[in-house]
Amino acid sequence: MPSVGITGNVAGGAVTGLTSTVKINGTSVICIGSVVASHGSSPHAAATMATGNTGLVTMNGLVPCVTGNTATCGHALAATTTVTIG
């Protein structure tokens, strides 16, 4: 199963998590809609996470992102946690 993304993991640029009460190692979880730090010109300047784990898991009502999910710029998330979801 793929690892769940947390604030600071990278999808071209560092991604900011969206969960307010669900934390992994004290850090917010990356979900669909999380902002990816600018890492070049368009489409890399204003990217957000576009795909997430489409299973039954939600966190704060949001769909979490895992390793391999992509941002609107086309980069894949490289999650680093030991927490996995399927």
PDB file of N, CA and C in Angstrom:
ATOM      1  N   MET A   1       0.844  -1.190   0.000  1.00  0.00           N
ATOM      2  CA  MET A   1       0.000   0.000   0.000  1.00  0.00           C
ATOM      3  C   MET A   1       0.882   1.245   0.000  1.00  0.00           C
ATOM      4  N   PRO A   2       0.402   2.335  -0.614  1.00  0.00           N
ATOM      5  CA  PRO A   2       1.204   3.558  -0.714  1.00  0.00           C
ATOM      6  C   PRO A   2       1.222   4.382   0.574  1.00  0.00           C
ATOM      7  N   SER A   3       2.296   5.133   0.755  1.00  0.00           N
ATOM      8  CA  SER A   3       2.459   6.008   1.922  1.00  0.00           C
ATOM      9  C   SER A   3       1.609   7.264   1.788  1.00  0.00           C
ATOM     10  N   VAL A   4       1.091   7.749   2.921  1.00  0.00           N
ATOM     11  CA  VAL A   4       0.297   8.974   2.969  1.00  0.00           C
ATOM     12  C   VAL A   4       1.236  10.177   2.992  1.00  0.00           C
ATOM     13  N   GLY A   5       0.884  11.234   2.230  1.00  0.00           N
ATOM     14  CA  GLY A   5       1.693  12.448   2.179  1.00  0.00           C
ATOM     15  C   GLY A   5       1.399  13.397   3.321  1.00  0.00           C
ATOM     16  N   ILE A   6       2.448  14.070   3.813  1.00  0.00           N
ATOM     17  CA  ILE A   6       2.301  15.077   4.861  1.00  0.00           C
ATOM     18  C   ILE A   6       2.994  16.368   4.421  1.00  0.00           C
ATOM     19  N   THR A   7       2.662  17.475   5.091  1.00  0.00           N
ATOM     20  CA  THR A   7       3.264  18.768   4.778  1.00  0.00           C
ATOM     21  C   THR A   7       4.776  18.632   4.635  1.00  0.00           C
ATOM     22  N   GLY A   8       5.308  19.182   3.555  1.00  0.00           N
ATOM     23  CA  GLY A   8       6.743  19.140   3.303  1.00  0.00           C
ATOM     24  C   GLY A   8       7.159  18.086   2.303  1.00  0.00           C
ATOM     25  N   ASN A   9       6.292  17.060   2.082  1.00  0.00           N
ATOM     26  CA  ASN A   9       6.599  16.090   1.035  1.00  0.00           C
ATOM     27  C   ASN A   9       6.523  16.817  -0.302  1.00  0.00           C
ATOM     28  N   VAL A  10       7.089  16.229  -1.347  1.00  0.00           N
ATOM     29  CA  VAL A  10       7.286  16.951  -2.602  1.00  0.00           C
ATOM     30  C   VAL A  10       6.528  16.341  -3.780  1.00  0.00           C
ATOM     31  N   ALA A  11       5.924  17.227  -4.586  1.00  0.00           N
ATOM     32  CA  ALA A  11       5.334  16.872  -5.884  1.00  0.00           C
ATOM     33  C   ALA A  11       5.789  17.960  -6.853  1.00  0.00           C
ATOM     34  N   GLY A  12       7.067  17.988  -7.145  1.00  0.00           N
ATOM     35  CA  GLY A  12       7.670  19.071  -7.912  1.00  0.00           C
ATOM     36  C   GLY A  12       8.142  20.169  -6.987  1.00  0.00           C
ATOM     37  N   GLY A  13       7.279  20.624  -6.101  1.00  0.00           N
ATOM     38  CA  GLY A  13       7.585  21.575  -5.029  1.00  0.00           C
ATOM     39  C   GLY A  13       7.009  21.028  -3.741  1.00  0.00           C
ATOM     40  N   ALA A  14       7.382  21.612  -2.614  1.00  0.00           N
ATOM     41  CA  ALA A  14       6.855  21.165  -1.321  1.00  0.00           C
ATOM     42  C   ALA A  14       5.344  21.385  -1.275  1.00  0.00           C
ATOM     43  N   VAL A  15       4.636  20.440  -0.673  1.00  0.00           N
ATOM     44  CA  VAL A  15       3.175  20.490  -0.610  1.00  0.00           C
ATOM     45  C   VAL A  15       2.740  20.790   0.822  1.00  0.00           C
ATOM     46  N   THR A  16       1.684  21.588   0.977  1.00  0.00           N
ATOM     47  CA  THR A  16       1.138  21.935   2.283  1.00  0.00           C
ATOM     48  C   THR A  16      -0.116  21.112   2.551  1.00  0.00           C
ATOM     49  N   GLY A  17      -0.144  20.438   3.700  1.00  0.00           N
ATOM     50  CA  GLY A  17      -1.298  19.620   4.078  1.00  0.00           C
ATOM     51  C   GLY A  17      -2.517  20.466   4.401  1.00  0.00           C
ATOM     52  N   LEU A  18      -3.686  19.819   4.367  1.00  0.00           N
ATOM     53  CA  LEU A  18      -4.949  20.526   4.608  1.00  0.00           C
ATOM     54  C   LEU A  18      -5.679  20.096   5.871  1.00  0.00           C
ATOM     55  N   THR A  19      -5.306  18.982   6.483  1.00  0.00           N
ATOM     56  CA  THR A  19      -6.077  18.499   7.625  1.00  0.00           C
ATOM     57  C   THR A  19      -5.778  19.327   8.868  1.00  0.00           C
ATOM     58  N   SER A  20      -6.848  19.626   9.627  1.00  0.00           N
ATOM     59  CA  SER A  20      -6.672  20.429  10.835  1.00  0.00           C
ATOM     60  C   SER A  20      -6.571  19.577  12.094  1.00  0.00           C
ATOM     61  N   THR A  21      -7.258  18.448  12.134  1.00  0.00           N
ATOM     62  CA  THR A  21      -7.217  17.614  13.337  1.00  0.00           C
ATOM     63  C   THR A  21      -6.561  16.264  13.111  1.00  0.00           C
ATOM     64  N   VAL A  22      -6.468  15.814  11.887  1.00  0.00           N
ATOM     65  CA  VAL A  22      -5.779  14.551  11.599  1.00  0.00           C
ATOM     66  C   VAL A  22      -4.326  14.876  11.292  1.00  0.00           C
ATOM     67  N   LYS A  23      -3.427  14.302  12.084  1.00  0.00           N
ATOM     68  CA  LYS A  23      -1.993  14.557  11.926  1.00  0.00           C
ATOM     69  C   LYS A  23      -1.247  13.228  11.854  1.00  0.00           C
ATOM     70  N   ILE A  24      -0.140  13.221  11.134  1.00  0.00           N
ATOM     71  CA  ILE A  24       0.778  12.084  11.112  1.00  0.00           C
ATOM     72  C   ILE A  24       2.116  12.637  11.574  1.00  0.00           C
ATOM     73  N   ASN A  25       2.638  12.068  12.647  1.00  0.00           N
ATOM     74  CA  ASN A  25       3.872  12.587  13.258  1.00  0.00           C
ATOM     75  C   ASN A  25       3.758  14.081  13.542  1.00  0.00           C
ATOM     76  N   GLY A  26       2.562  14.525  13.964  1.00  0.00           N
ATOM     77  CA  GLY A  26       2.337  15.922  14.310  1.00  0.00           C
ATOM     78  C   GLY A  26       2.194  16.863  13.127  1.00  0.00           C
ATOM     79  N   THR A  27       2.057  16.309  11.927  1.00  0.00           N
ATOM     80  CA  THR A  27       2.032  17.120  10.705  1.00  0.00           C
ATOM     81  C   THR A  27       0.744  16.896   9.919  1.00  0.00           C
ATOM     82  N   SER A  28       0.205  17.956   9.307  1.00  0.00           N
ATOM     83  CA  SER A  28      -1.026  17.873   8.515  1.00  0.00           C
ATOM     84  C   SER A  28      -0.856  16.957   7.308  1.00  0.00           C
ATOM     85  N   VAL A  29      -1.969  16.346   6.904  1.00  0.00           N
ATOM     86  CA  VAL A  29      -1.980  15.408   5.778  1.00  0.00           C
ATOM     87  C   VAL A  29      -2.290  16.146   4.474  1.00  0.00           C
ATOM     88  N   ILE A  30      -1.576  15.774   3.411  1.00  0.00           N
ATOM     89  CA  ILE A  30      -1.811  16.317   2.073  1.00  0.00           C
ATOM     90  C   ILE A  30      -3.079  15.680   1.502  1.00  0.00           C
ATOM     91  N   CYS A  31      -3.969  16.514   0.958  1.00  0.00           N
ATOM     92  CA  CYS A  31      -5.235  16.039   0.389  1.00  0.00           C
ATOM     93  C   CYS A  31      -5.442  16.677  -0.988  1.00  0.00           C
ATOM     94  N   ILE A  32      -6.446  16.166  -1.722  1.00  0.00           N
ATOM     95  CA  ILE A  32      -6.796  16.814  -2.989  1.00  0.00           C
ATOM     96  C   ILE A  32      -7.067  18.287  -2.696  1.00  0.00           C
ATOM     97  N   GLY A  33      -6.446  19.177  -3.456  1.00  0.00           N
ATOM     98  CA  GLY A  33      -6.585  20.616  -3.252  1.00  0.00           C
ATOM     99  C   GLY A  33      -5.431  21.246  -2.494  1.00  0.00           C
ATOM    100  N   SER A  34      -4.545  20.423  -1.897  1.00  0.00           N
ATOM    101  CA  SER A  34      -3.374  20.972  -1.199  1.00  0.00           C
ATOM    102  C   SER A  34      -2.506  21.757  -2.177  1.00  0.00           C
ATOM    103  N   VAL A  35      -1.954  22.861  -1.704  1.00  0.00           N
ATOM    104  CA  VAL A  35      -1.134  23.734  -2.543  1.00  0.00           C
ATOM    105  C   VAL A  35       0.286  23.195  -2.659  1.00  0.00           C
ATOM    106  N   VAL A  36       0.792  23.175  -3.906  1.00  0.00           N
ATOM    107  CA  VAL A  36       2.173  22.791  -4.196  1.00  0.00           C
ATOM    108  C   VAL A  36       2.965  24.082  -4.382  1.00  0.00           C
ATOM    109  N   ALA A  37       4.105  24.199  -3.689  1.00  0.00           N
ATOM    110  CA  ALA A  37       4.935  25.401  -3.816  1.00  0.00           C
ATOM    111  C   ALA A  37       5.365  25.604  -5.266  1.00  0.00           C
ATOM    112  N   SER A  38       5.398  26.862  -5.670  1.00  0.00           N
ATOM    113  CA  SER A  38       5.808  27.204  -7.030  1.00  0.00           C
ATOM    114  C   SER A  38       7.196  26.642  -7.320  1.00  0.00           C
ATOM    115  N   HIS A  39       7.334  26.028  -8.497  1.00  0.00           N
ATOM    116  CA  HIS A  39       8.615  25.428  -8.888  1.00  0.00           C
ATOM    117  C   HIS A  39       8.845  25.594 -10.386  1.00  0.00           C
ATOM    118  N   GLY A  40       8.618  26.806 -10.850  1.00  0.00           N
ATOM    119  CA  GLY A  40       8.788  27.121 -12.271  1.00  0.00           C
ATOM    120  C   GLY A  40       7.614  27.926 -12.783  1.00  0.00           C
ATOM    121  N   SER A  41       7.573  28.132 -14.088  1.00  0.00           N
ATOM    122  CA  SER A  41       6.461  28.866 -14.680  1.00  0.00           C
ATOM    123  C   SER A  41       5.298  27.915 -14.951  1.00  0.00           C
ATOM    124  N   SER A  42       4.182  28.482 -15.363  1.00  0.00           N
ATOM    125  CA  SER A  42       2.956  27.713 -15.580  1.00  0.00           C
ATOM    126  C   SER A  42       3.232  26.436 -16.381  1.00  0.00           C
ATOM    127  N   PRO A  43       2.686  25.304 -15.991  1.00  0.00           N
ATOM    128  CA  PRO A  43       1.672  25.075 -14.955  1.00  0.00           C
ATOM    129  C   PRO A  43       2.247  24.826 -13.565  1.00  0.00           C
ATOM    130  N   HIS A  44       3.518  25.070 -13.367  1.00  0.00           N
ATOM    131  CA  HIS A  44       4.172  24.766 -12.098  1.00  0.00           C
ATOM    132  C   HIS A  44       4.080  25.894 -11.076  1.00  0.00           C
ATOM    133  N   ALA A  45       3.551  27.047 -11.475  1.00  0.00           N
ATOM    134  CA  ALA A  45       3.518  28.221 -10.602  1.00  0.00           C
ATOM    135  C   ALA A  45       2.338  28.227  -9.635  1.00  0.00           C
ATOM    136  N   ALA A  46       1.259  27.572  -9.940  1.00  0.00           N
ATOM    137  CA  ALA A  46       0.067  27.603  -9.084  1.00  0.00           C
ATOM    138  C   ALA A  46      -0.573  26.221  -9.018  1.00  0.00           C
ATOM    139  N   ALA A  47       0.236  25.213  -8.771  1.00  0.00           N
ATOM    140  CA  ALA A  47      -0.264  23.832  -8.784  1.00  0.00           C
ATOM    141  C   ALA A  47      -0.932  23.451  -7.465  1.00  0.00           C
ATOM    142  N   THR A  48      -1.876  22.530  -7.565  1.00  0.00           N
ATOM    143  CA  THR A  48      -2.498  21.910  -6.398  1.00  0.00           C
ATOM    144  C   THR A  48      -2.543  20.407  -6.640  1.00  0.00           C
ATOM    145  N   MET A  49      -2.735  19.650  -5.571  1.00  0.00           N
ATOM    146  CA  MET A  49      -2.863  18.204  -5.724  1.00  0.00           C
ATOM    147  C   MET A  49      -4.209  17.901  -6.381  1.00  0.00           C
ATOM    148  N   ALA A  50      -4.180  17.121  -7.447  1.00  0.00           N
ATOM    149  CA  ALA A  50      -5.377  16.869  -8.253  1.00  0.00           C
ATOM    150  C   ALA A  50      -5.947  15.475  -8.061  1.00  0.00           C
ATOM    151  N   THR A  51      -5.116  14.514  -7.680  1.00  0.00           N
ATOM    152  CA  THR A  51      -5.607  13.150  -7.479  1.00  0.00           C
ATOM    153  C   THR A  51      -5.284  12.707  -6.066  1.00  0.00           C
ATOM    154  N   GLY A  52      -6.084  11.782  -5.566  1.00  0.00           N
ATOM    155  CA  GLY A  52      -5.877  11.268  -4.211  1.00  0.00           C
ATOM    156  C   GLY A  52      -6.276   9.822  -4.133  1.00  0.00           C
ATOM    157  N   ASN A  53      -6.128   9.263  -2.946  1.00  0.00           N
ATOM    158  CA  ASN A  53      -6.534   7.890  -2.709  1.00  0.00           C
ATOM    159  C   ASN A  53      -8.052   7.834  -2.846  1.00  0.00           C
ATOM    160  N   THR A  54      -8.545   7.052  -3.766  1.00  0.00           N
ATOM    161  CA  THR A  54      -9.989   7.019  -4.019  1.00  0.00           C
ATOM    162  C   THR A  54     -10.686   5.903  -3.256  1.00  0.00           C
ATOM    163  N   GLY A  55     -10.021   5.353  -2.247  1.00  0.00           N
ATOM    164  CA  GLY A  55     -10.630   4.318  -1.415  1.00  0.00           C
ATOM    165  C   GLY A  55     -11.663   4.919  -0.482  1.00  0.00           C
ATOM    166  N   LEU A  56     -11.938   4.236   0.597  1.00  0.00           N
ATOM    167  CA  LEU A  56     -12.963   4.672   1.538  1.00  0.00           C
ATOM    168  C   LEU A  56     -12.433   5.602   2.620  1.00  0.00           C
ATOM    169  N   VAL A  57     -11.139   5.900   2.616  1.00  0.00           N
ATOM    170  CA  VAL A  57     -10.542   6.712   3.667  1.00  0.00           C
ATOM    171  C   VAL A  57     -10.708   8.196   3.357  1.00  0.00           C
ATOM    172  N   THR A  58     -11.226   8.948   4.347  1.00  0.00           N
ATOM    173  CA  THR A  58     -11.216  10.405   4.275  1.00  0.00           C
ATOM    174  C   THR A  58     -10.637  10.917   5.585  1.00  0.00           C
ATOM    175  N   MET A  59     -10.072  12.101   5.558  1.00  0.00           N
ATOM    176  CA  MET A  59      -9.504  12.729   6.748  1.00  0.00           C
ATOM    177  C   MET A  59     -10.027  14.145   6.805  1.00  0.00           C
ATOM    178  N   ASN A  60     -10.751  14.477   7.882  1.00  0.00           N
ATOM    179  CA  ASN A  60     -11.436  15.766   7.987  1.00  0.00           C
ATOM    180  C   ASN A  60     -12.364  15.975   6.799  1.00  0.00           C
ATOM    181  N   GLY A  61     -12.930  14.895   6.255  1.00  0.00           N
ATOM    182  CA  GLY A  61     -13.836  14.971   5.116  1.00  0.00           C
ATOM    183  C   GLY A  61     -13.140  15.167   3.784  1.00  0.00           C
ATOM    184  N   LEU A  62     -11.824  15.114   3.773  1.00  0.00           N
ATOM    185  CA  LEU A  62     -11.032  15.319   2.557  1.00  0.00           C
ATOM    186  C   LEU A  62     -10.394  14.013   2.112  1.00  0.00           C
ATOM    187  N   VAL A  63     -10.097  13.914   0.823  1.00  0.00           N
ATOM    188  CA  VAL A  63      -9.454  12.715   0.277  1.00  0.00           C
ATOM    189  C   VAL A  63      -7.940  12.885   0.379  1.00  0.00           C
ATOM    190  N   PRO A  64      -7.267  12.015   1.150  1.00  0.00           N
ATOM    191  CA  PRO A  64      -5.812  12.137   1.305  1.00  0.00           C
ATOM    192  C   PRO A  64      -5.060  11.709   0.049  1.00  0.00           C
ATOM    193  N   CYS A  65      -3.856  12.246  -0.092  1.00  0.00           N
ATOM    194  CA  CYS A  65      -2.986  11.905  -1.222  1.00  0.00           C
ATOM    195  C   CYS A  65      -1.880  10.966  -0.758  1.00  0.00           C
ATOM    196  N   VAL A  66      -1.501  10.070  -1.643  1.00  0.00           N
ATOM    197  CA  VAL A  66      -0.468   9.083  -1.343  1.00  0.00           C
ATOM    198  C   VAL A  66       0.596   9.111  -2.434  1.00  0.00           C
ATOM    199  N   THR A  67       1.698   8.410  -2.183  1.00  0.00           N
ATOM    200  CA  THR A  67       2.771   8.323  -3.166  1.00  0.00           C
ATOM    201  C   THR A  67       2.206   7.981  -4.541  1.00  0.00           C
ATOM    202  N   GLY A  68       2.612   8.745  -5.549  1.00  0.00           N
ATOM    203  CA  GLY A  68       2.181   8.497  -6.921  1.00  0.00           C
ATOM    204  C   GLY A  68       1.011   9.337  -7.381  1.00  0.00           C
ATOM    205  N   ASN A  69       0.206   9.887  -6.428  1.00  0.00           N
ATOM    206  CA  ASN A  69      -0.869  10.785  -6.846  1.00  0.00           C
ATOM    207  C   ASN A  69      -0.246  12.034  -7.460  1.00  0.00           C
ATOM    208  N   THR A  70      -0.972  12.666  -8.389  1.00  0.00           N
ATOM    209  CA  THR A  70      -0.378  13.768  -9.142  1.00  0.00           C
ATOM    210  C   THR A  70      -0.988  15.132  -8.825  1.00  0.00           C
ATOM    211  N   ALA A  71      -0.162  16.149  -9.059  1.00  0.00           N
ATOM    212  CA  ALA A  71      -0.587  17.542  -8.934  1.00  0.00           C
ATOM    213  C   ALA A  71      -1.022  18.038 -10.307  1.00  0.00           C
ATOM    214  N   THR A  72      -1.653  19.210 -10.344  1.00  0.00           N
ATOM    215  CA  THR A  72      -2.120  19.771 -11.613  1.00  0.00           C
ATOM    216  C   THR A  72      -0.974  20.079 -12.567  1.00  0.00           C
ATOM    217  N   CYS A  73       0.246  20.161 -12.062  1.00  0.00           N
ATOM    218  CA  CYS A  73       1.415  20.411 -12.921  1.00  0.00           C
ATOM    219  C   CYS A  73       1.958  19.123 -13.531  1.00  0.00           C
ATOM    220  N   GLY A  74       1.433  17.974 -13.081  1.00  0.00           N
ATOM    221  CA  GLY A  74       1.861  16.692 -13.623  1.00  0.00           C
ATOM    222  C   GLY A  74       2.863  15.937 -12.777  1.00  0.00           C
ATOM    223  N   HIS A  75       3.438  16.589 -11.764  1.00  0.00           N
ATOM    224  CA  HIS A  75       4.392  15.896 -10.905  1.00  0.00           C
ATOM    225  C   HIS A  75       3.676  14.949  -9.942  1.00  0.00           C
ATOM    226  N   ALA A  76       4.331  13.829  -9.645  1.00  0.00           N
ATOM    227  CA  ALA A  76       3.792  12.842  -8.708  1.00  0.00           C
ATOM    228  C   ALA A  76       4.303  13.130  -7.303  1.00  0.00           C
ATOM    229  N   LEU A  77       3.455  12.859  -6.315  1.00  0.00           N
ATOM    230  CA  LEU A  77       3.811  13.030  -4.911  1.00  0.00           C
ATOM    231  C   LEU A  77       4.782  11.944  -4.475  1.00  0.00           C
ATOM    232  N   ALA A  78       5.795  12.348  -3.736  1.00  0.00           N
ATOM    233  CA  ALA A  78       6.735  11.411  -3.115  1.00  0.00           C
ATOM    234  C   ALA A  78       6.522  11.506  -1.610  1.00  0.00           C
ATOM    235  N   ALA A  79       5.633  10.669  -1.080  1.00  0.00           N
ATOM    236  CA  ALA A  79       5.327  10.675   0.351  1.00  0.00           C
ATOM    237  C   ALA A  79       6.418   9.938   1.113  1.00  0.00           C
ATOM    238  N   THR A  80       6.648  10.367   2.360  1.00  0.00           N
ATOM    239  CA  THR A  80       7.751   9.800   3.134  1.00  0.00           C
ATOM    240  C   THR A  80       7.339   9.140   4.439  1.00  0.00           C
ATOM    241  N   THR A  81       6.053   9.051   4.725  1.00  0.00           N
ATOM    242  CA  THR A  81       5.635   8.487   6.009  1.00  0.00           C
ATOM    243  C   THR A  81       5.601   6.966   5.966  1.00  0.00           C
ATOM    244  N   THR A  82       5.522   6.385   7.158  1.00  0.00           N
ATOM    245  CA  THR A  82       5.361   4.935   7.260  1.00  0.00           C
ATOM    246  C   THR A  82       3.887   4.563   7.369  1.00  0.00           C
ATOM    247  N   VAL A  83       3.001   5.570   7.355  1.00  0.00           N
ATOM    248  CA  VAL A  83       1.562   5.326   7.394  1.00  0.00           C
ATOM    249  C   VAL A  83       1.087   5.062   5.974  1.00  0.00           C
ATOM    250  N   THR A  84       0.390   3.946   5.789  1.00  0.00           N
ATOM    251  CA  THR A  84      -0.106   3.582   4.464  1.00  0.00           C
ATOM    252  C   THR A  84      -1.618   3.405   4.493  1.00  0.00           C
ATOM    253  N   ILE A  85      -2.245   3.660   3.359  1.00  0.00           N
ATOM    254  CA  ILE A  85      -3.671   3.382   3.199  1.00  0.00           C
ATOM    255  C   ILE A  85      -3.879   2.765   1.832  1.00  0.00           C
ATOM    256  N   GLY A  86      -4.901   1.951   1.709  1.00  0.00           N
ATOM    257  CA  GLY A  86      -5.153   1.279   0.441  1.00  0.00           C
ATOM    258  C   GLY A  86      -6.443   1.666  -0.089  1.00  0.00           C
TER     259      GLY A  86
END
